[in-house]
Amino acid sequence: MNKPVDKLLRNDWDEFTDKLGKLQTCNHTLDGSKAILEQLGYRNTEVGEICRWFELNGGYCDCEVILNVVMREHLRGLEQGKG
């Protein structure tokens, strides 16, 4: 896993997913995810790396990040006894 993704999962995942879940619509892009990552202080290069990771895990737009990536990480946490 790359460093920005590791940082996101360790430090900012709960805040990121909370804000992402509050988006009113999905415009079939990662614009909402990118904006949230920028609000959390991630640089453009880090945002790009994280978005590539989202896509590799089935998150090609904001709603797919919720449905595929967030749920996958939640289930992974349950399997590891973290949730």
Protein backbone atom coordinates (compact mmCIF):
# COMPACT_ATOMS: atom_id res chain seq x y z
CA MET A 1 0.00 0.00 0.00
CA ASN A 2 1.29 3.49 -0.74
CA LYS A 3 2.04 6.07 1.94
CA PRO A 4 -0.88 8.46 1.28
CA VAL A 5 -3.37 5.57 1.35
CA ASP A 6 -1.81 4.21 4.53
CA LYS A 7 -2.02 7.68 6.12
CA LEU A 8 -5.67 8.01 5.05
CA LEU A 9 -6.63 4.62 6.47
CA ARG A 10 -4.73 5.15 9.74
CA ASN A 11 -5.44 8.80 10.48
CA ASP A 12 -8.30 10.23 8.46
CA TRP A 13 -10.54 7.35 7.32
CA ASP A 14 -13.42 8.02 9.74
CA GLU A 15 -13.56 11.73 8.95
CA PHE A 16 -13.22 11.07 5.21
CA THR A 17 -16.02 8.49 5.16
CA ASP A 18 -18.26 10.67 7.33
CA LYS A 19 -17.91 13.63 4.97
CA LEU A 20 -18.24 11.45 1.87
CA GLY A 21 -21.42 9.91 3.22
CA LYS A 22 -22.93 13.37 3.63
CA LEU A 23 -22.56 14.31 -0.04
CA GLN A 24 -25.99 14.94 -1.50
CA THR A 25 -25.32 13.63 -5.02
CA CYS A 26 -22.83 11.72 -7.10
CA ASN A 27 -21.89 13.25 -10.44
CA HIS A 28 -20.13 10.03 -11.52
CA THR A 29 -16.67 11.44 -10.79
CA LEU A 30 -14.34 11.48 -7.80
CA ASP A 31 -14.74 15.25 -7.40
CA GLY A 32 -16.31 14.98 -3.95
CA SER A 33 -13.64 12.57 -2.73
CA LYS A 34 -10.89 14.81 -4.09
CA ALA A 35 -12.37 17.90 -2.41
CA ILE A 36 -12.63 16.10 0.94
CA LEU A 37 -9.05 14.86 0.69
CA GLU A 38 -7.89 18.40 -0.06
CA GLN A 39 -9.87 19.68 2.97
CA LEU A 40 -8.04 17.07 5.06
CA GLY A 41 -4.72 18.53 3.91
CA TYR A 42 -3.62 16.05 1.25
CA ARG A 43 -1.45 17.44 -1.55
CA ASN A 44 -2.43 17.01 -5.22
CA THR A 45 0.05 14.17 -5.73
CA GLU A 46 -1.32 12.36 -2.67
CA VAL A 47 -4.91 12.88 -3.83
CA GLY A 48 -3.97 11.36 -7.18
CA GLU A 49 -2.38 8.31 -5.55
CA ILE A 50 -5.38 7.79 -3.27
CA CYS A 51 -7.84 8.12 -6.17
CA ARG A 52 -5.87 5.53 -8.15
CA TRP A 53 -6.17 3.21 -5.13
CA PHE A 54 -9.92 3.89 -4.99
CA GLU A 55 -10.22 2.93 -8.66
CA LEU A 56 -8.17 -0.24 -8.18
CA ASN A 57 -10.69 -1.17 -5.48
CA GLY A 58 -13.83 -0.44 -7.52
CA GLY A 59 -14.29 3.22 -6.61
CA TYR A 60 -14.57 5.04 -9.93
CA CYS A 61 -16.90 7.73 -8.57
CA ASP A 62 -17.92 9.02 -5.14
CA CYS A 63 -20.86 6.63 -4.69
CA GLU A 64 -18.72 3.66 -5.74
CA VAL A 65 -16.09 4.69 -3.20
CA ILE A 66 -18.82 4.35 -0.56
CA LEU A 67 -20.32 1.16 -1.95
CA ASN A 68 -17.10 -0.64 -2.84
CA VAL A 69 -14.09 0.81 -1.03
CA VAL A 70 -15.64 1.93 2.26
CA MET A 71 -17.65 -1.26 2.65
CA ARG A 72 -14.63 -3.42 1.77
CA GLU A 73 -12.48 -1.67 4.36
CA HIS A 74 -15.29 -1.96 6.93
CA LEU A 75 -15.57 -5.70 6.30
CA ARG A 76 -11.78 -6.06 6.44
CA GLY A 77 -11.86 -4.33 9.84
CA LEU A 78 -14.58 -6.68 11.07
CA GLU A 79 -12.54 -9.67 9.96
CA GLN A 80 -9.57 -8.32 11.88
CA GLY A 81 -11.73 -7.66 14.96
CA LYS A 82 -11.57 -3.86 14.66
CA GLY A 83 -15.21 -3.01 14.37
